[in-house]
Amino acid sequence: YGKTAMDALKEAGFDVISIGKIRDIFDGEGITQAIRSKSSVQGMEQTIECLDQDFTGLCFVNLVEFDSEYGHRRNPLGYAKAIETFDSELATMIKEMKDNDLVIVTADHGNDPTWTGTDHTRERVPFIAYSKSITNGTHIQERETFADIGATILANFNVKPSENEIGTPIEELLK
């Protein structure tokens, strides 16, 4: 409960575009434009289209099928095909990015499609960041909290976090 990094960005005059079910997850709070998607493929297409918009701020995307269709349904072949499709779409997106754009690819939990049952699983989630302005790639050490991602996004836009926000910016991404 309380203000999020999205609220802080919006209050500072930045755009906060949500794609997929982000608007539902956050009940519309801190969002300036919400775009619904019917699939992960459509979500990536919409994300690529956002790069053509004249906006400054955050485009927050949820590709729900990795979780709902392949992880919880324990469908490793579908999961593998979805990753291949995502890789291709991500390559297209990177070509379209501006020099100062930053993309972060991560997940909010594990969901191994080869595990038994339908619950979330405990493996580490990916954290991949890319910007044409980052000239020295590096391995980022495991972090204490997801809140570091929000703190990094706020620092990227020079926006102060709200009083209730925690997290430490990932300095390697801000150089």
C-alpha atoms as a PDB file:
ATOM      1  CA  TYR A   1       0.000   0.000   0.000  1.00  0.00           C
ATOM      2  CA  GLY A   2       1.182   3.492  -0.680  1.00  0.00           C
ATOM      3  CA  LYS A   3       2.759   5.309  -3.563  1.00  0.00           C
ATOM      4  CA  THR A   4       4.763   3.419  -6.145  1.00  0.00           C
ATOM      5  CA  ALA A   5       7.539   4.428  -8.514  1.00  0.00           C
ATOM      6  CA  MET A   6       4.822   4.826 -11.153  1.00  0.00           C
ATOM      7  CA  ASP A   7       3.014   7.358  -8.961  1.00  0.00           C
ATOM      8  CA  ALA A   8       6.260   9.287  -8.452  1.00  0.00           C
ATOM      9  CA  LEU A   9       6.957   9.338 -12.208  1.00  0.00           C
ATOM     10  CA  LYS A  10       3.420  10.491 -13.021  1.00  0.00           C
ATOM     11  CA  GLU A  11       3.530  13.197 -10.342  1.00  0.00           C
ATOM     12  CA  ALA A  12       6.857  14.407 -11.805  1.00  0.00           C
ATOM     13  CA  GLY A  13       5.177  14.842 -15.202  1.00  0.00           C
ATOM     14  CA  PHE A  14       6.423  11.684 -16.909  1.00  0.00           C
ATOM     15  CA  ASP A  15       4.324   9.352 -19.006  1.00  0.00           C
ATOM     16  CA  VAL A  16       3.564   5.933 -17.528  1.00  0.00           C
ATOM     17  CA  ILE A  17       2.229   3.606 -20.196  1.00  0.00           C
ATOM     18  CA  SER A  18       1.009   0.165 -19.181  1.00  0.00           C
ATOM     19  CA  ILE A  19       0.693  -2.746 -21.585  1.00  0.00           C
ATOM     20  CA  GLY A  20      -1.045  -6.014 -20.760  1.00  0.00           C
ATOM     21  CA  LYS A  21      -2.537  -6.437 -17.296  1.00  0.00           C
ATOM     22  CA  ILE A  22      -0.376  -3.829 -15.527  1.00  0.00           C
ATOM     23  CA  ARG A  23      -3.357  -1.458 -15.287  1.00  0.00           C
ATOM     24  CA  ASP A  24      -5.358  -4.197 -13.552  1.00  0.00           C
ATOM     25  CA  ILE A  25      -2.518  -5.183 -11.212  1.00  0.00           C
ATOM     26  CA  PHE A  26      -2.085  -1.589 -10.019  1.00  0.00           C
ATOM     27  CA  ASP A  27      -5.785  -0.622 -10.281  1.00  0.00           C
ATOM     28  CA  GLY A  28      -4.817   2.175 -12.666  1.00  0.00           C
ATOM     29  CA  GLU A  29      -2.734   3.988 -10.036  1.00  0.00           C
ATOM     30  CA  GLY A  30       0.225   5.921 -11.434  1.00  0.00           C
ATOM     31  CA  ILE A  31      -0.693   5.176 -15.051  1.00  0.00           C
ATOM     32  CA  THR A  32      -1.215   7.825 -17.724  1.00  0.00           C
ATOM     33  CA  GLN A  33      -2.120   5.465 -20.589  1.00  0.00           C
ATOM     34  CA  ALA A  34      -3.315   1.850 -20.434  1.00  0.00           C
ATOM     35  CA  ILE A  35      -3.158  -0.538 -23.390  1.00  0.00           C
ATOM     36  CA  ARG A  36      -4.744  -3.973 -23.103  1.00  0.00           C
ATOM     37  CA  SER A  37      -3.254  -6.892 -24.977  1.00  0.00           C
ATOM     38  CA  LYS A  38      -4.735 -10.264 -25.842  1.00  0.00           C
ATOM     39  CA  SER A  39      -1.442 -12.143 -25.972  1.00  0.00           C
ATOM     40  CA  SER A  40       2.262 -11.823 -25.268  1.00  0.00           C
ATOM     41  CA  VAL A  41       2.915 -11.424 -28.997  1.00  0.00           C
ATOM     42  CA  GLN A  42       0.431  -8.552 -29.209  1.00  0.00           C
ATOM     43  CA  GLY A  43       1.970  -7.051 -26.061  1.00  0.00           C
ATOM     44  CA  MET A  44       5.396  -6.990 -27.702  1.00  0.00           C
ATOM     45  CA  GLU A  45       3.924  -5.530 -30.903  1.00  0.00           C
ATOM     46  CA  GLN A  46       2.283  -2.789 -28.827  1.00  0.00           C
ATOM     47  CA  THR A  47       5.563  -2.153 -27.000  1.00  0.00           C
ATOM     48  CA  ILE A  48       7.404  -1.741 -30.299  1.00  0.00           C
ATOM     49  CA  GLU A  49       4.663   0.631 -31.482  1.00  0.00           C
ATOM     50  CA  CYS A  50       5.167   2.696 -28.297  1.00  0.00           C
ATOM     51  CA  LEU A  51       8.727   3.409 -29.434  1.00  0.00           C
ATOM     52  CA  ASP A  52       7.221   5.456 -32.271  1.00  0.00           C
ATOM     53  CA  GLN A  53       5.243   7.594 -29.816  1.00  0.00           C
ATOM     54  CA  ASP A  54       6.626  10.874 -28.582  1.00  0.00           C
ATOM     55  CA  PHE A  55       6.709  10.086 -24.881  1.00  0.00           C
ATOM     56  CA  THR A  56       9.146  10.444 -22.024  1.00  0.00           C
ATOM     57  CA  GLY A  57       8.749   8.039 -19.193  1.00  0.00           C
ATOM     58  CA  LEU A  58       8.060   4.409 -18.445  1.00  0.00           C
ATOM     59  CA  CYS A  59       6.437   1.772 -20.627  1.00  0.00           C
ATOM     60  CA  PHE A  60       5.636  -1.084 -18.218  1.00  0.00           C
ATOM     61  CA  VAL A  61       4.738  -4.358 -19.967  1.00  0.00           C
ATOM     62  CA  ASN A  62       3.352  -7.653 -18.690  1.00  0.00           C
ATOM     63  CA  LEU A  63       3.607 -10.657 -21.025  1.00  0.00           C
ATOM     64  CA  VAL A  64       1.192 -12.823 -19.090  1.00  0.00           C
ATOM     65  CA  GLU A  65       1.273 -15.983 -21.208  1.00  0.00           C
ATOM     66  CA  PHE A  66       4.696 -17.022 -19.933  1.00  0.00           C
ATOM     67  CA  ASP A  67       2.988 -17.386 -16.563  1.00  0.00           C
ATOM     68  CA  SER A  68      -0.626 -18.315 -17.261  1.00  0.00           C
ATOM     69  CA  GLU A  69      -0.349 -20.416 -20.419  1.00  0.00           C
ATOM     70  CA  TYR A  70       3.013 -22.120 -20.098  1.00  0.00           C
ATOM     71  CA  GLY A  71       4.277 -21.933 -16.504  1.00  0.00           C
ATOM     72  CA  HIS A  72       1.164 -22.778 -14.493  1.00  0.00           C
ATOM     73  CA  ARG A  73      -0.060 -25.132 -17.217  1.00  0.00           C
ATOM     74  CA  ARG A  74       3.347 -26.892 -17.146  1.00  0.00           C
ATOM     75  CA  ASN A  75       3.838 -26.628 -20.896  1.00  0.00           C
ATOM     76  CA  PRO A  76       7.609 -26.641 -21.539  1.00  0.00           C
ATOM     77  CA  LEU A  77       7.288 -26.839 -25.346  1.00  0.00           C
ATOM     78  CA  GLY A  78       4.908 -23.872 -25.430  1.00  0.00           C
ATOM     79  CA  TYR A  79       7.218 -22.011 -23.041  1.00  0.00           C
ATOM     80  CA  ALA A  80      10.231 -22.688 -25.284  1.00  0.00           C
ATOM     81  CA  LYS A  81       8.375 -21.498 -28.398  1.00  0.00           C
ATOM     82  CA  ALA A  82       7.197 -18.372 -26.535  1.00  0.00           C
ATOM     83  CA  ILE A  83      10.797 -17.583 -25.524  1.00  0.00           C
ATOM     84  CA  GLU A  84      11.953 -17.983 -29.147  1.00  0.00           C
ATOM     85  CA  THR A  85       9.202 -15.638 -30.325  1.00  0.00           C
ATOM     86  CA  PHE A  86      10.029 -13.148 -27.567  1.00  0.00           C
ATOM     87  CA  ASP A  87      13.739 -13.238 -28.490  1.00  0.00           C
ATOM     88  CA  SER A  88      12.871 -12.321 -32.077  1.00  0.00           C
ATOM     89  CA  GLU A  89      10.509  -9.534 -30.993  1.00  0.00           C
ATOM     90  CA  LEU A  90      13.077  -8.217 -28.503  1.00  0.00           C
ATOM     91  CA  ALA A  91      15.680  -8.023 -31.286  1.00  0.00           C
ATOM     92  CA  THR A  92      13.214  -5.984 -33.360  1.00  0.00           C
ATOM     93  CA  MET A  93      12.509  -3.719 -30.386  1.00  0.00           C
ATOM     94  CA  ILE A  94      16.207  -3.131 -29.694  1.00  0.00           C
ATOM     95  CA  LYS A  95      16.723  -2.004 -33.297  1.00  0.00           C
ATOM     96  CA  GLU A  96      13.921   0.552 -32.837  1.00  0.00           C
ATOM     97  CA  MET A  97      15.137   1.897 -29.480  1.00  0.00           C
ATOM     98  CA  LYS A  98      16.536   5.408 -29.206  1.00  0.00           C
ATOM     99  CA  ASP A  99      20.053   5.928 -27.838  1.00  0.00           C
ATOM    100  CA  ASN A 100      18.882   6.815 -24.321  1.00  0.00           C
ATOM    101  CA  ASP A 101      16.095   4.208 -24.026  1.00  0.00           C
ATOM    102  CA  LEU A 102      16.554   1.551 -21.363  1.00  0.00           C
ATOM    103  CA  VAL A 103      14.866  -1.852 -21.449  1.00  0.00           C
ATOM    104  CA  ILE A 104      14.724  -4.125 -18.418  1.00  0.00           C
ATOM    105  CA  VAL A 105      13.533  -7.710 -18.822  1.00  0.00           C
ATOM    106  CA  THR A 106      12.641  -9.518 -15.623  1.00  0.00           C
ATOM    107  CA  ALA A 107       9.906 -11.524 -13.918  1.00  0.00           C
ATOM    108  CA  ASP A 108       8.116 -11.282 -10.611  1.00  0.00           C
ATOM    109  CA  HIS A 109       8.538 -14.975  -9.709  1.00  0.00           C
ATOM    110  CA  GLY A 110       9.659 -18.298 -11.044  1.00  0.00           C
ATOM    111  CA  ASN A 111       7.292 -20.652 -12.823  1.00  0.00           C
ATOM    112  CA  ASP A 112       9.271 -23.629 -14.111  1.00  0.00           C
ATOM    113  CA  PRO A 113       7.077 -25.393 -16.706  1.00  0.00           C
ATOM    114  CA  THR A 114       8.781 -28.747 -15.960  1.00  0.00           C
ATOM    115  CA  TRP A 115       7.926 -28.705 -12.233  1.00  0.00           C
ATOM    116  CA  THR A 116       5.003 -30.651 -10.783  1.00  0.00           C
ATOM    117  CA  GLY A 117       1.890 -28.856  -9.626  1.00  0.00           C
ATOM    118  CA  THR A 118       0.662 -25.423 -10.668  1.00  0.00           C
ATOM    119  CA  ASP A 119       2.196 -23.149  -8.031  1.00  0.00           C
ATOM    120  CA  HIS A 120       4.997 -20.645  -8.526  1.00  0.00           C
ATOM    121  CA  THR A 121       8.469 -22.111  -8.280  1.00  0.00           C
ATOM    122  CA  ARG A 122      11.528 -20.769  -6.496  1.00  0.00           C
ATOM    123  CA  GLU A 123      14.264 -20.429  -9.107  1.00  0.00           C
ATOM    124  CA  ARG A 124      15.912 -17.071  -9.627  1.00  0.00           C
ATOM    125  CA  VAL A 125      14.286 -14.763 -12.142  1.00  0.00           C
ATOM    126  CA  PRO A 126      16.170 -13.154 -15.010  1.00  0.00           C
ATOM    127  CA  PHE A 127      17.294  -9.560 -14.903  1.00  0.00           C
ATOM    128  CA  ILE A 128      18.573  -8.286 -18.218  1.00  0.00           C
ATOM    129  CA  ALA A 129      19.050  -4.595 -18.936  1.00  0.00           C
ATOM    130  CA  TYR A 130      20.046  -2.989 -22.221  1.00  0.00           C
ATOM    131  CA  SER A 131      20.566   0.514 -23.548  1.00  0.00           C
ATOM    132  CA  LYS A 132      22.548   1.713 -26.532  1.00  0.00           C
ATOM    133  CA  SER A 133      24.102   4.208 -24.095  1.00  0.00           C
ATOM    134  CA  ILE A 134      25.560   1.457 -21.885  1.00  0.00           C
ATOM    135  CA  THR A 135      29.034   0.900 -23.285  1.00  0.00           C
ATOM    136  CA  ASN A 136      30.505  -1.489 -20.720  1.00  0.00           C
ATOM    137  CA  GLY A 137      28.322  -4.492 -20.082  1.00  0.00           C
ATOM    138  CA  THR A 138      28.723  -6.147 -16.709  1.00  0.00           C
ATOM    139  CA  HIS A 139      27.290  -8.862 -14.514  1.00  0.00           C
ATOM    140  CA  ILE A 140      24.974  -7.377 -11.921  1.00  0.00           C
ATOM    141  CA  GLN A 141      25.124  -9.146  -8.597  1.00  0.00           C
ATOM    142  CA  GLU A 142      22.001 -10.688  -7.091  1.00  0.00           C
ATOM    143  CA  ARG A 143      19.926  -8.010  -5.406  1.00  0.00           C
ATOM    144  CA  GLU A 144      18.111  -8.024  -2.063  1.00  0.00           C
ATOM    145  CA  THR A 145      14.747  -6.852  -3.397  1.00  0.00           C
ATOM    146  CA  PHE A 146      12.667  -6.125  -6.480  1.00  0.00           C
ATOM    147  CA  ALA A 147      12.398  -2.598  -5.121  1.00  0.00           C
ATOM    148  CA  ASP A 148      15.858  -1.952  -6.576  1.00  0.00           C
ATOM    149  CA  ILE A 149      14.271  -1.997 -10.035  1.00  0.00           C
ATOM    150  CA  GLY A 150      11.812   0.759  -9.113  1.00  0.00           C
ATOM    151  CA  ALA A 151      14.592   2.750  -7.445  1.00  0.00           C
ATOM    152  CA  THR A 152      16.697   2.400 -10.601  1.00  0.00           C
ATOM    153  CA  ILE A 153      13.866   3.597 -12.819  1.00  0.00           C
ATOM    154  CA  LEU A 154      13.305   6.656 -10.617  1.00  0.00           C
ATOM    155  CA  ALA A 155      17.041   7.441 -10.568  1.00  0.00           C
ATOM    156  CA  ASN A 156      17.123   7.063 -14.359  1.00  0.00           C
ATOM    157  CA  PHE A 157      14.609   9.939 -14.560  1.00  0.00           C
ATOM    158  CA  ASN A 158      16.079  11.893 -11.619  1.00  0.00           C
ATOM    159  CA  VAL A 159      12.841  11.495  -9.660  1.00  0.00           C
ATOM    160  CA  LYS A 160      12.906  11.271  -5.856  1.00  0.00           C
ATOM    161  CA  PRO A 161      11.203   8.204  -4.423  1.00  0.00           C
ATOM    162  CA  SER A 162       8.149   8.557  -2.199  1.00  0.00           C
ATOM    163  CA  GLU A 163       8.629   8.296   1.572  1.00  0.00           C
ATOM    164  CA  ASN A 164       7.412   4.688   1.699  1.00  0.00           C
ATOM    165  CA  GLU A 165       9.575   3.427  -1.161  1.00  0.00           C
ATOM    166  CA  ILE A 166      12.532   1.187  -0.526  1.00  0.00           C
ATOM    167  CA  GLY A 167      15.287  -0.066  -2.786  1.00  0.00           C
ATOM    168  CA  THR A 168      18.699   1.000  -3.985  1.00  0.00           C
ATOM    169  CA  PRO A 169      19.352   2.050  -7.592  1.00  0.00           C
ATOM    170  CA  ILE A 170      21.479  -0.305  -9.666  1.00  0.00           C
ATOM    171  CA  GLU A 171      24.380   2.069 -10.285  1.00  0.00           C
ATOM    172  CA  GLU A 172      25.835   0.019 -13.152  1.00  0.00           C
ATOM    173  CA  LEU A 173      22.797   1.013 -15.240  1.00  0.00           C
ATOM    174  CA  LEU A 174      23.009   4.719 -14.458  1.00  0.00           C
ATOM    175  CA  LYS A 175      26.549   5.474 -15.649  1.00  0.00           C
END
